[in-house]
Amino acid sequence: MNDTRHQRHVLVLPDRDAAEEVAEALTDRFGVAEEPQVVRDALAGEDDAEDAQWLVVVEDPEAAYDAARLDALAAEYEGWREAE
């Protein structure tokens, strides 16, 4: 049986520094137990590191994290949130 509450939030950030700061803020502000994954996401067809986005992946097995607060956190760093 699938647990329909489990969510994965992906925060899309413009650079690595912002992604690392957001990952740290998630632990401080949201009490995220499992360390968020920071992943480089090269845009399709782009080889230049300047054209990469950085993703912070947050597992949310209990659907406990407020989407609006995650949106606001990402926006502080010129990013946005996508739910998976």
PDB file of N, CA and C in Angstrom:
ATOM      1  N   MET A   1       0.847  -1.182   0.000  1.00  0.00           N
ATOM      2  CA  MET A   1       0.000   0.000   0.000  1.00  0.00           C
ATOM      3  C   MET A   1       0.891   1.243   0.000  1.00  0.00           C
ATOM      4  N   ASN A   2       0.632   2.189  -0.882  1.00  0.00           N
ATOM      5  CA  ASN A   2       1.418   3.424  -0.953  1.00  0.00           C
ATOM      6  C   ASN A   2       0.950   4.419   0.089  1.00  0.00           C
ATOM      7  N   ASP A   3       1.917   5.097   0.677  1.00  0.00           N
ATOM      8  CA  ASP A   3       1.588   6.184   1.595  1.00  0.00           C
ATOM      9  C   ASP A   3       1.482   7.450   0.763  1.00  0.00           C
ATOM     10  N   THR A   4       0.268   7.941   0.556  1.00  0.00           N
ATOM     11  CA  THR A   4       0.058   9.092  -0.317  1.00  0.00           C
ATOM     12  C   THR A   4       0.518  10.396   0.322  1.00  0.00           C
ATOM     13  N   ARG A   5       0.844  10.357   1.602  1.00  0.00           N
ATOM     14  CA  ARG A   5       1.297  11.580   2.262  1.00  0.00           C
ATOM     15  C   ARG A   5       2.743  11.905   1.949  1.00  0.00           C
ATOM     16  N   HIS A   6       3.555  10.905   1.631  1.00  0.00           N
ATOM     17  CA  HIS A   6       4.979  11.133   1.396  1.00  0.00           C
ATOM     18  C   HIS A   6       5.174  12.106   0.241  1.00  0.00           C
ATOM     19  N   GLN A   7       5.987  13.112   0.491  1.00  0.00           N
ATOM     20  CA  GLN A   7       6.275  14.095  -0.541  1.00  0.00           C
ATOM     21  C   GLN A   7       7.775  14.275  -0.654  1.00  0.00           C
ATOM     22  N   ARG A   8       8.174  14.765  -1.786  1.00  0.00           N
ATOM     23  CA  ARG A   8       9.557  15.192  -1.991  1.00  0.00           C
ATOM     24  C   ARG A   8       9.464  16.614  -2.528  1.00  0.00           C
ATOM     25  N   HIS A   9      10.138  17.523  -1.849  1.00  0.00           N
ATOM     26  CA  HIS A   9      10.179  18.915  -2.285  1.00  0.00           C
ATOM     27  C   HIS A   9      11.539  19.149  -2.936  1.00  0.00           C
ATOM     28  N   VAL A  10      11.517  19.834  -4.049  1.00  0.00           N
ATOM     29  CA  VAL A  10      12.760  20.181  -4.733  1.00  0.00           C
ATOM     30  C   VAL A  10      12.831  21.701  -4.783  1.00  0.00           C
ATOM     31  N   LEU A  11      13.832  22.242  -4.117  1.00  0.00           N
ATOM     32  CA  LEU A  11      14.047  23.682  -4.141  1.00  0.00           C
ATOM     33  C   LEU A  11      15.104  23.960  -5.205  1.00  0.00           C
ATOM     34  N   VAL A  12      14.775  24.792  -6.167  1.00  0.00           N
ATOM     35  CA  VAL A  12      15.660  25.095  -7.289  1.00  0.00           C
ATOM     36  C   VAL A  12      16.330  26.438  -7.007  1.00  0.00           C
ATOM     37  N   LEU A  13      17.662  26.426  -6.969  1.00  0.00           N
ATOM     38  CA  LEU A  13      18.429  27.618  -6.611  1.00  0.00           C
ATOM     39  C   LEU A  13      19.395  27.989  -7.735  1.00  0.00           C
ATOM     40  N   PRO A  14      19.798  29.259  -7.786  1.00  0.00           N
ATOM     41  CA  PRO A  14      20.633  29.716  -8.894  1.00  0.00           C
ATOM     42  C   PRO A  14      22.101  29.303  -8.812  1.00  0.00           C
ATOM     43  N   ASP A  15      22.604  28.988  -7.617  1.00  0.00           N
ATOM     44  CA  ASP A  15      24.018  28.634  -7.516  1.00  0.00           C
ATOM     45  C   ASP A  15      24.274  27.746  -6.301  1.00  0.00           C
ATOM     46  N   ARG A  16      25.474  27.209  -6.251  1.00  0.00           N
ATOM     47  CA  ARG A  16      25.818  26.255  -5.192  1.00  0.00           C
ATOM     48  C   ARG A  16      25.780  26.892  -3.803  1.00  0.00           C
ATOM     49  N   ASP A  17      26.294  28.108  -3.678  1.00  0.00           N
ATOM     50  CA  ASP A  17      26.297  28.769  -2.371  1.00  0.00           C
ATOM     51  C   ASP A  17      24.881  28.901  -1.823  1.00  0.00           C
ATOM     52  N   ALA A  18      23.955  29.328  -2.680  1.00  0.00           N
ATOM     53  CA  ALA A  18      22.565  29.484  -2.250  1.00  0.00           C
ATOM     54  C   ALA A  18      21.992  28.127  -1.835  1.00  0.00           C
ATOM     55  N   ALA A  19      22.286  27.090  -2.624  1.00  0.00           N
ATOM     56  CA  ALA A  19      21.767  25.751  -2.315  1.00  0.00           C
ATOM     57  C   ALA A  19      22.290  25.263  -0.972  1.00  0.00           C
ATOM     58  N   GLU A  20      23.569  25.469  -0.707  1.00  0.00           N
ATOM     59  CA  GLU A  20      24.139  25.015   0.564  1.00  0.00           C
ATOM     60  C   GLU A  20      23.558  25.801   1.736  1.00  0.00           C
ATOM     61  N   GLU A  21      23.333  27.102   1.545  1.00  0.00           N
ATOM     62  CA  GLU A  21      22.729  27.908   2.610  1.00  0.00           C
ATOM     63  C   GLU A  21      21.288  27.471   2.885  1.00  0.00           C
ATOM     64  N   VAL A  22      20.548  27.161   1.826  1.00  0.00           N
ATOM     65  CA  VAL A  22      19.170  26.709   1.987  1.00  0.00           C
ATOM     66  C   VAL A  22      19.142  25.358   2.702  1.00  0.00           C
ATOM     67  N   ALA A  23      20.043  24.459   2.340  1.00  0.00           N
ATOM     68  CA  ALA A  23      20.102  23.149   3.003  1.00  0.00           C
ATOM     69  C   ALA A  23      20.344  23.330   4.502  1.00  0.00           C
ATOM     70  N   GLU A  24      21.229  24.245   4.856  1.00  0.00           N
ATOM     71  CA  GLU A  24      21.503  24.516   6.271  1.00  0.00           C
ATOM     72  C   GLU A  24      20.284  25.144   6.948  1.00  0.00           C
ATOM     73  N   ALA A  25      19.627  26.072   6.246  1.00  0.00           N
ATOM     74  CA  ALA A  25      18.438  26.727   6.807  1.00  0.00           C
ATOM     75  C   ALA A  25      17.308  25.729   7.031  1.00  0.00           C
ATOM     76  N   LEU A  26      17.210  24.731   6.167  1.00  0.00           N
ATOM     77  CA  LEU A  26      16.168  23.715   6.344  1.00  0.00           C
ATOM     78  C   LEU A  26      16.338  22.972   7.661  1.00  0.00           C
ATOM     79  N   THR A  27      17.574  22.690   7.999  1.00  0.00           N
ATOM     80  CA  THR A  27      17.850  22.015   9.260  1.00  0.00           C
ATOM     81  C   THR A  27      17.533  22.941  10.436  1.00  0.00           C
ATOM     82  N   ASP A  28      17.968  24.199  10.330  1.00  0.00           N
ATOM     83  CA  ASP A  28      17.758  25.161  11.417  1.00  0.00           C
ATOM     84  C   ASP A  28      16.292  25.551  11.593  1.00  0.00           C
ATOM     85  N   ARG A  29      15.624  25.890  10.513  1.00  0.00           N
ATOM     86  CA  ARG A  29      14.254  26.429  10.583  1.00  0.00           C
ATOM     87  C   ARG A  29      13.167  25.367  10.624  1.00  0.00           C
ATOM     88  N   PHE A  30      13.391  24.259   9.908  1.00  0.00           N
ATOM     89  CA  PHE A  30      12.341  23.259   9.775  1.00  0.00           C
ATOM     90  C   PHE A  30      12.614  22.006  10.594  1.00  0.00           C
ATOM     91  N   GLY A  31      13.828  21.892  11.125  1.00  0.00           N
ATOM     92  CA  GLY A  31      14.169  20.702  11.884  1.00  0.00           C
ATOM     93  C   GLY A  31      14.219  19.451  11.027  1.00  0.00           C
ATOM     94  N   VAL A  32      14.618  19.620   9.771  1.00  0.00           N
ATOM     95  CA  VAL A  32      14.707  18.478   8.865  1.00  0.00           C
ATOM     96  C   VAL A  32      15.688  17.469   9.454  1.00  0.00           C
ATOM     97  N   ALA A  33      15.210  16.261   9.687  1.00  0.00           N
ATOM     98  CA  ALA A  33      16.031  15.239  10.341  1.00  0.00           C
ATOM     99  C   ALA A  33      17.071  14.659   9.382  1.00  0.00           C
ATOM    100  N   GLU A  34      16.636  14.337   8.180  1.00  0.00           N
ATOM    101  CA  GLU A  34      17.551  13.770   7.195  1.00  0.00           C
ATOM    102  C   GLU A  34      18.169  14.913   6.394  1.00  0.00           C
ATOM    103  N   GLU A  35      19.488  14.929   6.304  1.00  0.00           N
ATOM    104  CA  GLU A  35      20.171  16.026   5.618  1.00  0.00           C
ATOM    105  C   GLU A  35      19.693  16.134   4.172  1.00  0.00           C
ATOM    106  N   PRO A  36      19.258  17.325   3.766  1.00  0.00           N
ATOM    107  CA  PRO A  36      18.793  17.504   2.387  1.00  0.00           C
ATOM    108  C   PRO A  36      19.930  17.239   1.387  1.00  0.00           C
ATOM    109  N   GLN A  37      19.568  16.704   0.223  1.00  0.00           N
ATOM    110  CA  GLN A  37      20.543  16.468  -0.834  1.00  0.00           C
ATOM    111  C   GLN A  37      20.722  17.739  -1.639  1.00  0.00           C
ATOM    112  N   VAL A  38      21.987  18.092  -1.922  1.00  0.00           N
ATOM    113  CA  VAL A  38      22.301  19.220  -2.785  1.00  0.00           C
ATOM    114  C   VAL A  38      22.849  18.628  -4.077  1.00  0.00           C
ATOM    115  N   VAL A  39      22.178  18.955  -5.197  1.00  0.00           N
ATOM    116  CA  VAL A  39      22.496  18.328  -6.477  1.00  0.00           C
ATOM    117  C   VAL A  39      22.637  19.395  -7.558  1.00  0.00           C
ATOM    118  N   ARG A  40      23.686  19.281  -8.375  1.00  0.00           N
ATOM    119  CA  ARG A  40      23.855  20.187  -9.516  1.00  0.00           C
ATOM    120  C   ARG A  40      22.992  19.664 -10.653  1.00  0.00           C
ATOM    121  N   ASP A  41      22.251  20.549 -11.293  1.00  0.00           N
ATOM    122  CA  ASP A  41      21.372  20.175 -12.390  1.00  0.00           C
ATOM    123  C   ASP A  41      21.726  21.019 -13.606  1.00  0.00           C
ATOM    124  N   ALA A  42      22.562  20.469 -14.491  1.00  0.00           N
ATOM    125  CA  ALA A  42      22.926  21.188 -15.713  1.00  0.00           C
ATOM    126  C   ALA A  42      21.702  21.286 -16.607  1.00  0.00           C
ATOM    127  N   LEU A  43      21.496  22.449 -17.164  1.00  0.00           N
ATOM    128  CA  LEU A  43      20.368  22.628 -18.062  1.00  0.00           C
ATOM    129  C   LEU A  43      20.632  21.866 -19.357  1.00  0.00           C
ATOM    130  N   ALA A  44      19.611  21.344 -19.947  1.00  0.00           N
ATOM    131  CA  ALA A  44      19.747  20.521 -21.157  1.00  0.00           C
ATOM    132  C   ALA A  44      20.547  21.239 -22.236  1.00  0.00           C
ATOM    133  N   GLY A  45      21.570  20.565 -22.728  1.00  0.00           N
ATOM    134  CA  GLY A  45      22.370  21.112 -23.814  1.00  0.00           C
ATOM    135  C   GLY A  45      23.415  22.117 -23.383  1.00  0.00           C
ATOM    136  N   GLU A  46      23.547  22.358 -22.111  1.00  0.00           N
ATOM    137  CA  GLU A  46      24.498  23.359 -21.622  1.00  0.00           C
ATOM    138  C   GLU A  46      25.688  22.685 -20.963  1.00  0.00           C
ATOM    139  N   ASP A  47      26.892  23.055 -21.383  1.00  0.00           N
ATOM    140  CA  ASP A  47      28.104  22.501 -20.787  1.00  0.00           C
ATOM    141  C   ASP A  47      28.726  23.463 -19.776  1.00  0.00           C
ATOM    142  N   ASP A  48      28.380  24.715 -19.878  1.00  0.00           N
ATOM    143  CA  ASP A  48      28.970  25.753 -19.044  1.00  0.00           C
ATOM    144  C   ASP A  48      28.424  25.655 -17.619  1.00  0.00           C
ATOM    145  N   ALA A  49      29.319  25.586 -16.643  1.00  0.00           N
ATOM    146  CA  ALA A  49      28.905  25.488 -15.235  1.00  0.00           C
ATOM    147  C   ALA A  49      28.042  26.677 -14.817  1.00  0.00           C
ATOM    148  N   GLU A  50      28.200  27.813 -15.491  1.00  0.00           N
ATOM    149  CA  GLU A  50      27.402  28.994 -15.152  1.00  0.00           C
ATOM    150  C   GLU A  50      25.924  28.777 -15.474  1.00  0.00           C
ATOM    151  N   ASP A  51      25.637  27.824 -16.348  1.00  0.00           N
ATOM    152  CA  ASP A  51      24.259  27.576 -16.754  1.00  0.00           C
ATOM    153  C   ASP A  51      23.618  26.444 -15.966  1.00  0.00           C
ATOM    154  N   ALA A  52      24.177  26.139 -14.824  1.00  0.00           N
ATOM    155  CA  ALA A  52      23.627  25.062 -14.001  1.00  0.00           C
ATOM    156  C   ALA A  52      22.737  25.649 -12.915  1.00  0.00           C
ATOM    157  N   GLN A  53      21.707  24.892 -12.571  1.00  0.00           N
ATOM    158  CA  GLN A  53      20.910  25.208 -11.401  1.00  0.00           C
ATOM    159  C   GLN A  53      21.314  24.215 -10.329  1.00  0.00           C
ATOM    160  N   TRP A  54      21.047  24.568  -9.092  1.00  0.00           N
ATOM    161  CA  TRP A  54      21.328  23.666  -7.980  1.00  0.00           C
ATOM    162  C   TRP A  54      20.019  23.317  -7.316  1.00  0.00           C
ATOM    163  N   LEU A  55      19.874  22.062  -6.993  1.00  0.00           N
ATOM    164  CA  LEU A  55      18.647  21.568  -6.384  1.00  0.00           C
ATOM    165  C   LEU A  55      18.916  21.131  -4.952  1.00  0.00           C
ATOM    166  N   VAL A  56      17.986  21.440  -4.081  1.00  0.00           N
ATOM    167  CA  VAL A  56      18.009  20.922  -2.721  1.00  0.00           C
ATOM    168  C   VAL A  56      16.779  20.031  -2.601  1.00  0.00           C
ATOM    169  N   VAL A  57      17.022  18.740  -2.413  1.00  0.00           N
ATOM    170  CA  VAL A  57      15.939  17.753  -2.373  1.00  0.00           C
ATOM    171  C   VAL A  57      15.630  17.427  -0.916  1.00  0.00           C
ATOM    172  N   VAL A  58      14.369  17.616  -0.553  1.00  0.00           N
ATOM    173  CA  VAL A  58      13.930  17.398   0.822  1.00  0.00           C
ATOM    174  C   VAL A  58      12.878  16.297   0.830  1.00  0.00           C
ATOM    175  N   GLU A  59      13.189  15.200   1.502  1.00  0.00           N
ATOM    176  CA  GLU A  59      12.206  14.131   1.678  1.00  0.00           C
ATOM    177  C   GLU A  59      11.263  14.543   2.804  1.00  0.00           C
ATOM    178  N   ASP A  60       9.987  14.343   2.586  1.00  0.00           N
ATOM    179  CA  ASP A  60       8.970  14.752   3.553  1.00  0.00           C
ATOM    180  C   ASP A  60       7.979  13.596   3.740  1.00  0.00           C
ATOM    181  N   PRO A  61       8.431  12.499   4.391  1.00  0.00           N
ATOM    182  CA  PRO A  61       7.597  11.294   4.478  1.00  0.00           C
ATOM    183  C   PRO A  61       6.278  11.487   5.213  1.00  0.00           C
ATOM    184  N   GLU A  62       6.210  12.446   6.092  1.00  0.00           N
ATOM    185  CA  GLU A  62       4.966  12.679   6.845  1.00  0.00           C
ATOM    186  C   GLU A  62       4.179  13.865   6.311  1.00  0.00           C
ATOM    187  N   ALA A  63       4.630  14.450   5.200  1.00  0.00           N
ATOM    188  CA  ALA A  63       3.998  15.650   4.635  1.00  0.00           C
ATOM    189  C   ALA A  63       3.859  16.725   5.715  1.00  0.00           C
ATOM    190  N   ALA A  64       4.954  16.913   6.456  1.00  0.00           N
ATOM    191  CA  ALA A  64       4.925  17.803   7.615  1.00  0.00           C
ATOM    192  C   ALA A  64       5.423  19.222   7.326  1.00  0.00           C
ATOM    193  N   TYR A  65       6.116  19.417   6.209  1.00  0.00           N
ATOM    194  CA  TYR A  65       6.711  20.725   5.942  1.00  0.00           C
ATOM    195  C   TYR A  65       5.737  21.607   5.184  1.00  0.00           C
ATOM    196  N   ASP A  66       5.572  22.814   5.685  1.00  0.00           N
ATOM    197  CA  ASP A  66       4.637  23.776   5.116  1.00  0.00           C
ATOM    198  C   ASP A  66       5.159  24.268   3.767  1.00  0.00           C
ATOM    199  N   ALA A  67       4.402  23.996   2.712  1.00  0.00           N
ATOM    200  CA  ALA A  67       4.818  24.356   1.359  1.00  0.00           C
ATOM    201  C   ALA A  67       5.038  25.863   1.211  1.00  0.00           C
ATOM    202  N   ALA A  68       4.192  26.664   1.839  1.00  0.00           N
ATOM    203  CA  ALA A  68       4.330  28.122   1.739  1.00  0.00           C
ATOM    204  C   ALA A  68       5.635  28.595   2.373  1.00  0.00           C
ATOM    205  N   ARG A  69       6.018  27.978   3.494  1.00  0.00           N
ATOM    206  CA  ARG A  69       7.282  28.341   4.139  1.00  0.00           C
ATOM    207  C   ARG A  69       8.476  27.901   3.291  1.00  0.00           C
ATOM    208  N   LEU A  70       8.363  26.734   2.652  1.00  0.00           N
ATOM    209  CA  LEU A  70       9.429  26.287   1.755  1.00  0.00           C
ATOM    210  C   LEU A  70       9.533  27.214   0.551  1.00  0.00           C
ATOM    211  N   ASP A  71       8.386  27.639   0.014  1.00  0.00           N
ATOM    212  CA  ASP A  71       8.383  28.599  -1.099  1.00  0.00           C
ATOM    213  C   ASP A  71       9.097  29.885  -0.696  1.00  0.00           C
ATOM    214  N   ALA A  72       8.773  30.377   0.498  1.00  0.00           N
ATOM    215  CA  ALA A  72       9.367  31.623   0.985  1.00  0.00           C
ATOM    216  C   ALA A  72      10.876  31.477   1.176  1.00  0.00           C
ATOM    217  N   LEU A  73      11.310  30.346   1.713  1.00  0.00           N
ATOM    218  CA  LEU A  73      12.736  30.108   1.909  1.00  0.00           C
ATOM    219  C   LEU A  73      13.462  30.116   0.568  1.00  0.00           C
ATOM    220  N   ALA A  74      12.938  29.395  -0.403  1.00  0.00           N
ATOM    221  CA  ALA A  74      13.564  29.356  -1.730  1.00  0.00           C
ATOM    222  C   ALA A  74      13.600  30.756  -2.340  1.00  0.00           C
ATOM    223  N   ALA A  75      12.526  31.508  -2.188  1.00  0.00           N
ATOM    224  CA  ALA A  75      12.448  32.855  -2.760  1.00  0.00           C
ATOM    225  C   ALA A  75      13.489  33.790  -2.147  1.00  0.00           C
ATOM    226  N   GLU A  76      13.818  33.589  -0.867  1.00  0.00           N
ATOM    227  CA  GLU A  76      14.850  34.408  -0.217  1.00  0.00           C
ATOM    228  C   GLU A  76      16.178  34.312  -0.963  1.00  0.00           C
ATOM    229  N   TYR A  77      16.398  33.185  -1.638  1.00  0.00           N
ATOM    230  CA  TYR A  77      17.652  32.930  -2.343  1.00  0.00           C
ATOM    231  C   TYR A  77      17.455  32.932  -3.860  1.00  0.00           C
ATOM    232  N   GLU A  78      16.398  33.633  -4.316  1.00  0.00           N
ATOM    233  CA  GLU A  78      16.087  33.769  -5.738  1.00  0.00           C
ATOM    234  C   GLU A  78      15.808  32.426  -6.407  1.00  0.00           C
ATOM    235  N   GLY A  79      15.149  31.549  -5.661  1.00  0.00           N
ATOM    236  CA  GLY A  79      14.796  30.237  -6.194  1.00  0.00           C
ATOM    237  C   GLY A  79      13.306  29.990  -6.067  1.00  0.00           C
ATOM    238  N   TRP A  80      12.927  28.738  -6.273  1.00  0.00           N
ATOM    239  CA  TRP A  80      11.530  28.334  -6.156  1.00  0.00           C
ATOM    240  C   TRP A  80      11.455  26.869  -5.747  1.00  0.00           C
ATOM    241  N   ARG A  81      10.246  26.447  -5.377  1.00  0.00           N
ATOM    242  CA  ARG A  81      10.013  25.075  -4.939  1.00  0.00           C
ATOM    243  C   ARG A  81       9.156  24.337  -5.957  1.00  0.00           C
ATOM    244  N   GLU A  82       9.535  23.069  -6.164  1.00  0.00           N
ATOM    245  CA  GLU A  82       8.706  22.173  -6.968  1.00  0.00           C
ATOM    246  C   GLU A  82       8.404  20.958  -6.097  1.00  0.00           C
ATOM    247  N   ALA A  83       7.150  20.506  -6.121  1.00  0.00           N
ATOM    248  CA  ALA A  83       6.766  19.308  -5.376  1.00  0.00           C
ATOM    249  C   ALA A  83       6.818  18.132  -6.325  1.00  0.00           C
ATOM    250  N   GLU A  84       7.297  17.004  -5.831  1.00  0.00           N
ATOM    251  CA  GLU A  84       7.327  15.792  -6.668  1.00  0.00           C
ATOM    252  C   GLU A  84       6.379  14.779  -6.107  1.00  0.00           C
TER     253      GLU A  84
END
